[in-house]
């Protein structure tokens, strides 16, 4: 999916990337970890990248994220995402 986003040019328009926890996505041998793959793919991304965000396929309680709203990604000592407008149903 990440490759498709790169090929379509959508990631080039993104100002930040938020990636979920990726549970059970590591190779069983432990040689390849999904988190390391994502870190490598996004190492040259010019904006903030949050890895391990509790949304989507997750083992912890999941945050529901509305689509099509403005948000702000803060990548400091306590990384977070702030949704800046209400979702419309």
PDB file of N, CA and C in Angstrom:
ATOM      1  N   UNK A   1       0.820  -1.192   0.000  1.00  0.00           N
ATOM      2  CA  UNK A   1       0.000   0.000   0.000  1.00  0.00           C
ATOM      3  C   UNK A   1       0.873   1.269   0.000  1.00  0.00           C
ATOM      4  N   UNK A   2       1.952   1.247   0.746  1.00  0.00           N
ATOM      5  CA  UNK A   2       2.846   2.407   0.775  1.00  0.00           C
ATOM      6  C   UNK A   2       3.425   2.651  -0.613  1.00  0.00           C
ATOM      7  N   UNK A   3       3.796   1.580  -1.297  1.00  0.00           N
ATOM      8  CA  UNK A   3       4.324   1.712  -2.658  1.00  0.00           C
ATOM      9  C   UNK A   3       3.298   2.369  -3.565  1.00  0.00           C
ATOM     10  N   UNK A   4       2.039   1.979  -3.444  1.00  0.00           N
ATOM     11  CA  UNK A   4       0.979   2.578  -4.265  1.00  0.00           C
ATOM     12  C   UNK A   4       0.834   4.066  -3.970  1.00  0.00           C
ATOM     13  N   UNK A   5       0.903   4.445  -2.709  1.00  0.00           N
ATOM     14  CA  UNK A   5       0.805   5.866  -2.359  1.00  0.00           C
ATOM     15  C   UNK A   5       1.972   6.654  -2.944  1.00  0.00           C
ATOM     16  N   UNK A   6       3.144   6.060  -2.933  1.00  0.00           N
ATOM     17  CA  UNK A   6       4.314   6.723  -3.532  1.00  0.00           C
ATOM     18  C   UNK A   6       4.152   6.855  -5.039  1.00  0.00           C
ATOM     19  N   UNK A   7       3.704   5.783  -5.692  1.00  0.00           N
ATOM     20  CA  UNK A   7       3.575   5.787  -7.148  1.00  0.00           C
ATOM     21  C   UNK A   7       2.499   6.748  -7.639  1.00  0.00           C
ATOM     22  N   UNK A   8       1.455   6.950  -6.862  1.00  0.00           N
ATOM     23  CA  UNK A   8       0.395   7.867  -7.279  1.00  0.00           C
ATOM     24  C   UNK A   8       0.755   9.323  -7.019  1.00  0.00           C
ATOM     25  N   UNK A   9       1.802   9.561  -6.250  1.00  0.00           N
ATOM     26  CA  UNK A   9       2.197  10.925  -5.935  1.00  0.00           C
ATOM     27  C   UNK A   9       1.495  11.500  -4.721  1.00  0.00           C
ATOM     28  N   UNK A  10       0.628  10.726  -4.084  1.00  0.00           N
ATOM     29  CA  UNK A  10      -0.109  11.239  -2.929  1.00  0.00           C
ATOM     30  C   UNK A  10       0.813  11.552  -1.750  1.00  0.00           C
ATOM     31  N   UNK A  11       1.824  10.747  -1.534  1.00  0.00           N
ATOM     32  CA  UNK A  11       2.734  11.021  -0.420  1.00  0.00           C
ATOM     33  C   UNK A  11       3.541  12.290  -0.637  1.00  0.00           C
ATOM     34  N   UNK A  12       3.786  12.635  -1.876  1.00  0.00           N
ATOM     35  CA  UNK A  12       4.522  13.867  -2.172  1.00  0.00           C
ATOM     36  C   UNK A  12       3.723  15.098  -1.748  1.00  0.00           C
ATOM     37  N   UNK A  13       2.406  14.961  -1.679  1.00  0.00           N
ATOM     38  CA  UNK A  13       1.544  16.076  -1.271  1.00  0.00           C
ATOM     39  C   UNK A  13       1.304  16.105   0.233  1.00  0.00           C
ATOM     40  N   UNK A  14       1.694  15.046   0.930  1.00  0.00           N
ATOM     41  CA  UNK A  14       1.439  14.952   2.373  1.00  0.00           C
ATOM     42  C   UNK A  14       2.436  15.797   3.156  1.00  0.00           C
ATOM     43  N   UNK A  15       1.959  16.392   4.232  1.00  0.00           N
ATOM     44  CA  UNK A  15       2.861  17.152   5.096  1.00  0.00           C
ATOM     45  C   UNK A  15       3.266  16.337   6.320  1.00  0.00           C
ATOM     46  N   UNK A  16       2.578  15.220   6.560  1.00  0.00           N
ATOM     47  CA  UNK A  16       2.905  14.324   7.674  1.00  0.00           C
ATOM     48  C   UNK A  16       2.372  12.934   7.340  1.00  0.00           C
ATOM     49  N   UNK A  17       2.902  11.933   8.022  1.00  0.00           N
ATOM     50  CA  UNK A  17       2.446  10.556   7.841  1.00  0.00           C
ATOM     51  C   UNK A  17       2.194   9.961   9.221  1.00  0.00           C
ATOM     52  N   UNK A  18       1.056   9.292   9.368  1.00  0.00           N
ATOM     53  CA  UNK A  18       0.709   8.621  10.616  1.00  0.00           C
ATOM     54  C   UNK A  18       0.506   7.145  10.298  1.00  0.00           C
ATOM     55  N   UNK A  19       1.276   6.286  10.953  1.00  0.00           N
ATOM     56  CA  UNK A  19       1.238   4.848  10.715  1.00  0.00           C
ATOM     57  C   UNK A  19       0.807   4.157  12.004  1.00  0.00           C
ATOM     58  N   UNK A  20      -0.078   3.182  11.872  1.00  0.00           N
ATOM     59  CA  UNK A  20      -0.596   2.453  13.030  1.00  0.00           C
ATOM     60  C   UNK A  20       0.441   1.579  13.718  1.00  0.00           C
ATOM     61  N   UNK A  21      -0.041   0.755  14.633  1.00  0.00           N
ATOM     62  CA  UNK A  21       0.842  -0.086  15.446  1.00  0.00           C
ATOM     63  C   UNK A  21       1.448  -1.259  14.679  1.00  0.00           C
ATOM     64  N   UNK A  22       0.799  -1.732  13.640  1.00  0.00           N
ATOM     65  CA  UNK A  22       1.279  -2.857  12.830  1.00  0.00           C
ATOM     66  C   UNK A  22       1.462  -4.134  13.655  1.00  0.00           C
ATOM     67  N   UNK A  23       0.433  -4.541  14.419  1.00  0.00           N
ATOM     68  CA  UNK A  23       0.590  -5.752  15.229  1.00  0.00           C
ATOM     69  C   UNK A  23       0.706  -6.996  14.349  1.00  0.00           C
ATOM     70  N   UNK A  24       1.525  -7.913  14.779  1.00  0.00           N
ATOM     71  CA  UNK A  24       1.715  -9.198  14.104  1.00  0.00           C
ATOM     72  C   UNK A  24       2.139  -9.045  12.642  1.00  0.00           C
ATOM     73  N   UNK A  25       2.869  -7.992  12.325  1.00  0.00           N
ATOM     74  CA  UNK A  25       3.357  -7.773  10.957  1.00  0.00           C
ATOM     75  C   UNK A  25       4.846  -8.088  10.813  1.00  0.00           C
ATOM     76  N   UNK A  26       5.515  -8.418  11.904  1.00  0.00           N
ATOM     77  CA  UNK A  26       6.935  -8.748  11.828  1.00  0.00           C
ATOM     78  C   UNK A  26       7.113 -10.165  11.281  1.00  0.00           C
ATOM     79  N   UNK A  27       8.264 -10.409  10.659  1.00  0.00           N
ATOM     80  CA  UNK A  27       8.594 -11.762  10.207  1.00  0.00           C
ATOM     81  C   UNK A  27       8.689 -12.670  11.435  1.00  0.00           C
ATOM     82  N   UNK A  28       8.142 -13.884  11.365  1.00  0.00           N
ATOM     83  CA  UNK A  28       8.197 -14.787  12.517  1.00  0.00           C
ATOM     84  C   UNK A  28       9.618 -15.017  13.042  1.00  0.00           C
ATOM     85  N   UNK A  29      10.600 -14.992  12.161  1.00  0.00           N
ATOM     86  CA  UNK A  29      11.993 -15.200  12.579  1.00  0.00           C
ATOM     87  C   UNK A  29      12.526 -14.014  13.386  1.00  0.00           C
ATOM     88  N   UNK A  30      11.862 -12.869  13.260  1.00  0.00           N
ATOM     89  CA  UNK A  30      12.320 -11.660  13.937  1.00  0.00           C
ATOM     90  C   UNK A  30      13.376 -10.903  13.161  1.00  0.00           C
ATOM     91  N   UNK A  31      13.753 -11.427  11.985  1.00  0.00           N
ATOM     92  CA  UNK A  31      14.786 -10.775  11.175  1.00  0.00           C
ATOM     93  C   UNK A  31      14.315  -9.458  10.579  1.00  0.00           C
ATOM     94  N   UNK A  32      13.041  -9.384  10.244  1.00  0.00           N
ATOM     95  CA  UNK A  32      12.490  -8.167   9.639  1.00  0.00           C
ATOM     96  C   UNK A  32      11.326  -7.696  10.499  1.00  0.00           C
ATOM     97  N   UNK A  33      11.423  -6.439  10.955  1.00  0.00           N
ATOM     98  CA  UNK A  33      10.346  -5.853  11.758  1.00  0.00           C
ATOM     99  C   UNK A  33       9.642  -4.782  10.935  1.00  0.00           C
ATOM    100  N   UNK A  34       8.321  -4.785  10.979  1.00  0.00           N
ATOM    101  CA  UNK A  34       7.530  -3.828  10.203  1.00  0.00           C
ATOM    102  C   UNK A  34       7.902  -2.394  10.559  1.00  0.00           C
ATOM    103  N   UNK A  35       8.141  -2.134  11.814  1.00  0.00           N
ATOM    104  CA  UNK A  35       8.504  -0.778  12.256  1.00  0.00           C
ATOM    105  C   UNK A  35       9.808  -0.321  11.590  1.00  0.00           C
ATOM    106  N   UNK A  36      10.779  -1.230  11.477  1.00  0.00           N
ATOM    107  CA  UNK A  36      12.049  -0.894  10.833  1.00  0.00           C
ATOM    108  C   UNK A  36      11.859  -0.633   9.338  1.00  0.00           C
ATOM    109  N   UNK A  37      10.994  -1.423   8.705  1.00  0.00           N
ATOM    110  CA  UNK A  37      10.709  -1.224   7.278  1.00  0.00           C
ATOM    111  C   UNK A  37      10.095   0.157   7.065  1.00  0.00           C
ATOM    112  N   UNK A  38       9.121   0.531   7.897  1.00  0.00           N
ATOM    113  CA  UNK A  38       8.475   1.845   7.768  1.00  0.00           C
ATOM    114  C   UNK A  38       9.485   2.966   8.020  1.00  0.00           C
ATOM    115  N   UNK A  39      10.330   2.793   9.018  1.00  0.00           N
ATOM    116  CA  UNK A  39      11.341   3.817   9.313  1.00  0.00           C
ATOM    117  C   UNK A  39      12.277   4.012   8.118  1.00  0.00           C
ATOM    118  N   UNK A  40      12.637   2.924   7.460  1.00  0.00           N
ATOM    119  CA  UNK A  40      13.500   3.015   6.276  1.00  0.00           C
ATOM    120  C   UNK A  40      12.772   3.688   5.121  1.00  0.00           C
ATOM    121  N   UNK A  41      11.518   3.295   4.884  1.00  0.00           N
ATOM    122  CA  UNK A  41      10.747   3.870   3.776  1.00  0.00           C
ATOM    123  C   UNK A  41      10.565   5.377   3.925  1.00  0.00           C
ATOM    124  N   UNK A  42      10.414   5.845   5.156  1.00  0.00           N
ATOM    125  CA  UNK A  42      10.101   7.251   5.387  1.00  0.00           C
ATOM    126  C   UNK A  42      11.278   8.057   5.932  1.00  0.00           C
ATOM    127  N   UNK A  43      12.492   7.510   5.890  1.00  0.00           N
ATOM    128  CA  UNK A  43      13.635   8.231   6.475  1.00  0.00           C
ATOM    129  C   UNK A  43      13.902   9.564   5.786  1.00  0.00           C
ATOM    130  N   UNK A  44      13.577   9.695   4.500  1.00  0.00           N
ATOM    131  CA  UNK A  44      13.808  10.950   3.780  1.00  0.00           C
ATOM    132  C   UNK A  44      12.546  11.801   3.656  1.00  0.00           C
ATOM    133  N   UNK A  45      11.467  11.378   4.298  1.00  0.00           N
ATOM    134  CA  UNK A  45      10.227  12.156   4.230  1.00  0.00           C
ATOM    135  C   UNK A  45      10.459  13.498   4.924  1.00  0.00           C
ATOM    136  N   UNK A  46      10.065  14.605   4.294  1.00  0.00           N
ATOM    137  CA  UNK A  46      10.398  15.924   4.843  1.00  0.00           C
ATOM    138  C   UNK A  46       9.587  16.349   6.064  1.00  0.00           C
ATOM    139  N   UNK A  47       8.493  15.676   6.356  1.00  0.00           N
ATOM    140  CA  UNK A  47       7.652  16.067   7.482  1.00  0.00           C
ATOM    141  C   UNK A  47       7.695  15.044   8.601  1.00  0.00           C
ATOM    142  N   UNK A  48       6.887  15.270   9.640  1.00  0.00           N
ATOM    143  CA  UNK A  48       6.858  14.327  10.754  1.00  0.00           C
ATOM    144  C   UNK A  48       6.224  12.994  10.355  1.00  0.00           C
ATOM    145  N   UNK A  49       6.731  11.923  10.931  1.00  0.00           N
ATOM    146  CA  UNK A  49       6.197  10.576  10.725  1.00  0.00           C
ATOM    147  C   UNK A  49       5.954   9.975  12.104  1.00  0.00           C
ATOM    148  N   UNK A  50       4.698   9.636  12.385  1.00  0.00           N
ATOM    149  CA  UNK A  50       4.368   8.978  13.648  1.00  0.00           C
ATOM    150  C   UNK A  50       4.225   7.488  13.387  1.00  0.00           C
ATOM    151  N   UNK A  51       4.988   6.681  14.093  1.00  0.00           N
ATOM    152  CA  UNK A  51       4.899   5.224  13.999  1.00  0.00           C
ATOM    153  C   UNK A  51       4.264   4.688  15.274  1.00  0.00           C
ATOM    154  N   UNK A  52       3.368   3.723  15.140  1.00  0.00           N
ATOM    155  CA  UNK A  52       2.748   3.112  16.311  1.00  0.00           C
ATOM    156  C   UNK A  52       1.516   3.838  16.809  1.00  0.00           C
ATOM    157  N   UNK A  53       0.854   4.589  15.939  1.00  0.00           N
ATOM    158  CA  UNK A  53      -0.345   5.324  16.343  1.00  0.00           C
ATOM    159  C   UNK A  53      -1.484   4.336  16.602  1.00  0.00           C
ATOM    160  N   UNK A  54      -2.222   4.471  17.704  1.00  0.00           N
ATOM    161  CA  UNK A  54      -3.264   3.500  18.054  1.00  0.00           C
ATOM    162  C   UNK A  54      -4.553   3.675  17.247  1.00  0.00           C
ATOM    163  N   UNK A  55      -4.495   3.302  15.988  1.00  0.00           N
ATOM    164  CA  UNK A  55      -5.672   3.379  15.124  1.00  0.00           C
ATOM    165  C   UNK A  55      -5.575   2.282  14.077  1.00  0.00           C
ATOM    166  N   UNK A  56      -6.697   1.909  13.514  1.00  0.00           N
ATOM    167  CA  UNK A  56      -6.704   0.850  12.508  1.00  0.00           C
ATOM    168  C   UNK A  56      -6.550  -0.507  13.164  1.00  0.00           C
ATOM    169  N   UNK A  57      -5.743  -1.371  12.565  1.00  0.00           N
ATOM    170  CA  UNK A  57      -5.472  -2.692  13.134  1.00  0.00           C
ATOM    171  C   UNK A  57      -4.517  -2.506  14.300  1.00  0.00           C
ATOM    172  N   UNK A  58      -5.028  -2.651  15.498  1.00  0.00           N
ATOM    173  CA  UNK A  58      -4.246  -2.348  16.688  1.00  0.00           C
ATOM    174  C   UNK A  58      -4.541  -3.354  17.786  1.00  0.00           C
ATOM    175  N   UNK A  59      -3.633  -3.479  18.730  1.00  0.00           N
ATOM    176  CA  UNK A  59      -3.860  -4.355  19.868  1.00  0.00           C
ATOM    177  C   UNK A  59      -4.333  -3.565  21.083  1.00  0.00           C
ATOM    178  N   UNK A  60      -4.169  -2.273  21.054  1.00  0.00           N
ATOM    179  CA  UNK A  60      -4.643  -1.425  22.147  1.00  0.00           C
ATOM    180  C   UNK A  60      -5.973  -0.798  21.732  1.00  0.00           C
ATOM    181  N   UNK A  61      -6.645  -0.107  22.643  1.00  0.00           N
ATOM    182  CA  UNK A  61      -7.870   0.577  22.222  1.00  0.00           C
ATOM    183  C   UNK A  61      -7.584   1.491  21.032  1.00  0.00           C
ATOM    184  N   UNK A  62      -8.434   1.410  20.028  1.00  0.00           N
ATOM    185  CA  UNK A  62      -8.202   2.147  18.780  1.00  0.00           C
ATOM    186  C   UNK A  62      -8.897   3.497  18.794  1.00  0.00           C
ATOM    187  N   UNK A  63      -8.209   4.489  18.276  1.00  0.00           N
ATOM    188  CA  UNK A  63      -8.802   5.803  18.081  1.00  0.00           C
ATOM    189  C   UNK A  63      -9.475   5.814  16.716  1.00  0.00           C
ATOM    190  N   UNK A  64     -10.699   6.303  16.667  1.00  0.00           N
ATOM    191  CA  UNK A  64     -11.395   6.449  15.397  1.00  0.00           C
ATOM    192  C   UNK A  64     -11.001   7.784  14.791  1.00  0.00           C
ATOM    193  N   UNK A  65     -10.528   7.737  13.560  1.00  0.00           N
ATOM    194  CA  UNK A  65     -10.076   8.957  12.893  1.00  0.00           C
ATOM    195  C   UNK A  65     -11.052   9.329  11.788  1.00  0.00           C
ATOM    196  N   UNK A  66     -11.603  10.537  11.834  1.00  0.00           N
ATOM    197  CA  UNK A  66     -12.503  10.963  10.763  1.00  0.00           C
ATOM    198  C   UNK A  66     -11.720  11.247   9.486  1.00  0.00           C
ATOM    199  N   UNK A  67     -12.334  10.978   8.367  1.00  0.00           N
ATOM    200  CA  UNK A  67     -11.703  11.246   7.075  1.00  0.00           C
ATOM    201  C   UNK A  67     -12.055  12.643   6.591  1.00  0.00           C
ATOM    202  N   UNK A  68     -11.136  13.288   5.921  1.00  0.00           N
ATOM    203  CA  UNK A  68     -11.403  14.567   5.283  1.00  0.00           C
ATOM    204  C   UNK A  68     -11.396  15.777   6.191  1.00  0.00           C
ATOM    205  N   UNK A  69     -10.842  15.652   7.389  1.00  0.00           N
ATOM    206  CA  UNK A  69     -10.775  16.805   8.286  1.00  0.00           C
ATOM    207  C   UNK A  69      -9.324  17.264   8.417  1.00  0.00           C
ATOM    208  N   UNK A  70      -9.155  18.507   8.805  1.00  0.00           N
ATOM    209  CA  UNK A  70      -7.809  19.035   9.029  1.00  0.00           C
ATOM    210  C   UNK A  70      -7.285  18.545  10.370  1.00  0.00           C
ATOM    211  N   UNK A  71      -6.011  18.217  10.386  1.00  0.00           N
ATOM    212  CA  UNK A  71      -5.384  17.829  11.644  1.00  0.00           C
ATOM    213  C   UNK A  71      -3.945  18.323  11.648  1.00  0.00           C
ATOM    214  N   UNK A  72      -3.359  18.279  12.817  1.00  0.00           N
ATOM    215  CA  UNK A  72      -1.980  18.728  12.995  1.00  0.00           C
ATOM    216  C   UNK A  72      -1.215  17.593  13.666  1.00  0.00           C
ATOM    217  N   UNK A  73      -0.065  17.253  13.133  1.00  0.00           N
ATOM    218  CA  UNK A  73       0.784  16.219  13.716  1.00  0.00           C
ATOM    219  C   UNK A  73       1.921  16.908  14.454  1.00  0.00           C
ATOM    220  N   UNK A  74       2.079  16.548  15.711  1.00  0.00           N
ATOM    221  CA  UNK A  74       3.124  17.129  16.544  1.00  0.00           C
ATOM    222  C   UNK A  74       4.105  16.010  16.881  1.00  0.00           C
ATOM    223  N   UNK A  75       5.324  16.153  16.415  1.00  0.00           N
ATOM    224  CA  UNK A  75       6.333  15.108  16.601  1.00  0.00           C
ATOM    225  C   UNK A  75       7.425  15.610  17.533  1.00  0.00           C
ATOM    226  N   UNK A  76       7.073  15.759  18.800  1.00  0.00           N
ATOM    227  CA  UNK A  76       8.057  16.173  19.796  1.00  0.00           C
ATOM    228  C   UNK A  76       8.273  15.015  20.774  1.00  0.00           C
ATOM    229  N   UNK A  77       8.638  15.316  21.995  1.00  0.00           N
ATOM    230  CA  UNK A  77       8.880  14.265  22.987  1.00  0.00           C
ATOM    231  C   UNK A  77       7.628  13.428  23.243  1.00  0.00           C
ATOM    232  N   UNK A  78       6.454  14.025  23.069  1.00  0.00           N
ATOM    233  CA  UNK A  78       5.175  13.334  23.242  1.00  0.00           C
ATOM    234  C   UNK A  78       4.390  13.441  21.934  1.00  0.00           C
ATOM    235  N   UNK A  79       4.728  12.600  20.931  1.00  0.00           N
ATOM    236  CA  UNK A  79       4.081  12.710  19.612  1.00  0.00           C
ATOM    237  C   UNK A  79       2.569  12.536  19.716  1.00  0.00           C
ATOM    238  N   UNK A  80       1.860  13.319  18.909  1.00  0.00           N
ATOM    239  CA  UNK A  80       0.395  13.243  18.928  1.00  0.00           C
ATOM    240  C   UNK A  80      -0.173  13.855  17.662  1.00  0.00           C
ATOM    241  N   UNK A  81      -1.459  13.623  17.482  1.00  0.00           N
ATOM    242  CA  UNK A  81      -2.179  14.201  16.358  1.00  0.00           C
ATOM    243  C   UNK A  81      -3.375  14.953  16.927  1.00  0.00           C
ATOM    244  N   UNK A  82      -3.567  16.178  16.483  1.00  0.00           N
ATOM    245  CA  UNK A  82      -4.667  17.011  16.953  1.00  0.00           C
ATOM    246  C   UNK A  82      -5.633  17.210  15.795  1.00  0.00           C
ATOM    247  N   UNK A  83      -6.872  16.772  15.973  1.00  0.00           N
ATOM    248  CA  UNK A  83      -7.905  16.977  14.952  1.00  0.00           C
ATOM    249  C   UNK A  83      -8.458  18.373  15.165  1.00  0.00           C
ATOM    250  N   UNK A  84      -8.386  19.204  14.133  1.00  0.00           N
ATOM    251  CA  UNK A  84      -8.675  20.625  14.286  1.00  0.00           C
ATOM    252  C   UNK A  84     -10.077  21.049  13.870  1.00  0.00           C
ATOM    253  N   UNK A  85     -10.898  20.109  13.429  1.00  0.00           N
ATOM    254  CA  UNK A  85     -12.264  20.472  13.070  1.00  0.00           C
ATOM    255  C   UNK A  85     -13.178  19.285  13.319  1.00  0.00           C
ATOM    256  N   UNK A  86     -14.462  19.562  13.392  1.00  0.00           N
ATOM    257  CA  UNK A  86     -15.440  18.503  13.624  1.00  0.00           C
ATOM    258  C   UNK A  86     -15.686  17.708  12.358  1.00  0.00           C
ATOM    259  N   UNK A  87     -15.944  16.432  12.553  1.00  0.00           N
ATOM    260  CA  UNK A  87     -16.323  15.584  11.421  1.00  0.00           C
ATOM    261  C   UNK A  87     -17.791  15.827  11.093  1.00  0.00           C
ATOM    262  N   UNK A  88     -18.125  15.719   9.824  1.00  0.00           N
ATOM    263  CA  UNK A  88     -19.505  15.896   9.385  1.00  0.00           C
ATOM    264  C   UNK A  88     -20.030  14.535   8.964  1.00  0.00           C
ATOM    265  N   UNK A  89     -21.207  14.200   9.447  1.00  0.00           N
ATOM    266  CA  UNK A  89     -21.802  12.904   9.113  1.00  0.00           C
ATOM    267  C   UNK A  89     -22.673  13.042   7.891  1.00  0.00           C
TER     268      UNK A  89
END
